[in-house]
Protein backbone atom coordinates (compact mmCIF):
# COMPACT_ATOMS: atom_id res chain seq x y z
CA MET A 1 36.38 128.52 32.02
CA GLN A 2 37.73 125.62 34.09
CA THR A 3 41.15 124.15 33.59
CA ILE A 4 41.37 120.37 33.72
CA SER A 5 44.48 118.82 35.25
CA ILE A 6 45.44 115.29 34.37
CA LEU A 7 47.23 113.16 36.95
CA THR A 8 49.33 110.26 35.85
CA LYS A 9 50.07 107.09 37.80
CA GLN A 10 53.60 108.42 38.26
CA ASP A 11 52.19 111.62 39.81
CA LEU A 12 50.21 109.53 42.30
CA ASP A 13 53.20 107.30 43.07
CA ASP A 14 55.35 110.38 43.69
CA PHE A 15 52.68 111.83 45.99
CA LYS A 16 52.44 108.53 47.92
CA ASN A 17 56.21 108.34 48.35
CA ASP A 18 56.41 111.96 49.52
CA LEU A 19 53.59 111.35 52.00
CA LEU A 20 55.26 108.22 53.37
CA GLU A 21 58.51 110.11 53.83
CA GLU A 22 56.68 112.85 55.76
CA ILE A 23 55.03 110.26 58.00
CA LYS A 24 58.40 108.63 58.66
CA GLU A 25 59.86 112.01 59.61
CA ILE A 26 56.99 112.54 62.06
CA PHE A 27 57.69 109.14 63.62
CA ASN A 28 61.39 109.97 63.87
CA THR A 29 60.73 113.29 65.59
CA LEU A 30 58.53 111.51 68.12
CA LYS A 31 61.49 109.24 68.96
CA ILE A 32 59.26 106.22 69.47
CA ASN A 33 60.99 102.99 70.49
CA GLN A 34 60.44 100.09 68.03
CA ASP A 35 58.91 97.96 70.81
CA GLU A 36 56.82 100.74 72.29
CA LEU A 37 53.13 99.92 72.40
CA LEU A 38 50.65 102.45 71.07
CA LYS A 39 46.92 102.55 71.78
CA SER A 40 44.37 102.46 68.98
CA SER A 41 43.66 106.19 69.23
CA GLU A 42 47.38 106.98 68.91
CA VAL A 43 47.71 104.74 65.84
CA GLN A 44 44.65 106.37 64.25
CA THR A 45 46.11 109.82 64.84
CA LEU A 46 49.56 108.90 63.49
CA LEU A 47 48.22 107.16 60.37
CA LYS A 48 45.29 109.56 59.94
CA ILE A 49 42.84 106.66 59.61
CA SER A 50 39.41 105.96 61.05
CA SER A 51 38.62 103.39 63.71
CA GLY A 52 36.92 101.31 61.00
CA THR A 53 40.07 101.24 58.87
CA LEU A 54 42.12 100.24 61.90
CA GLN A 55 39.61 97.48 62.63
CA ASN A 56 39.94 96.24 59.04
CA TYR A 57 43.74 96.17 59.46
CA ARG A 58 43.28 94.00 62.56
CA LEU A 59 40.71 91.68 60.98
CA ASN A 60 42.66 91.01 57.79
CA GLY A 61 45.98 90.63 59.62
CA THR A 62 47.57 93.73 58.10
CA LEU A 63 48.49 95.11 61.52
CA PRO A 64 49.25 92.78 64.45
CA PHE A 65 47.93 93.81 67.85
CA LYS A 66 47.78 92.71 71.47
CA LYS A 67 44.76 92.96 73.70
CA ILE A 68 45.63 93.66 77.32
CA GLY A 69 42.59 93.95 79.50
CA GLY A 70 40.08 95.73 77.29
CA THR A 71 42.66 97.85 75.46
CA LEU A 72 44.23 97.10 72.09
CA TYR A 73 47.92 97.87 71.62
CA TYR A 74 50.12 97.99 68.50
CA LYS A 75 53.92 97.87 68.27
CA TYR A 76 55.46 100.92 66.64
CA GLY A 77 57.79 98.60 64.68
CA ASP A 78 54.78 96.85 63.13
CA ILE A 79 53.30 100.19 62.08
CA GLU A 80 56.60 101.18 60.49
CA LYS A 81 56.74 97.84 58.62
CA LEU A 82 53.21 98.51 57.33
CA LEU A 83 54.28 101.89 55.98
CA VAL A 84 57.45 100.57 54.39
CA GLY A 85 55.59 97.61 52.89
CA ASN A 86 53.07 99.92 51.22
CA LYS A 87 55.79 101.96 49.56
């Protein structure tokens, strides 16, 4: 017999907040400067998102970026603002 668990919106909000706090702790342990530029692959790893999701963030203006040569860079401070804004 299977047991069915019911999740409430509050459960999901609590999970989201806990996850955001863990991500912030990871950022803090990395001691990244607010103005430090991160490459796309580094942002994907930190946020645990795909390249397509990162592209969507760029296209819809969610995450500002700079293109230097052929490489895209993102400010750590902008990534932190994104996380705090989604809280």
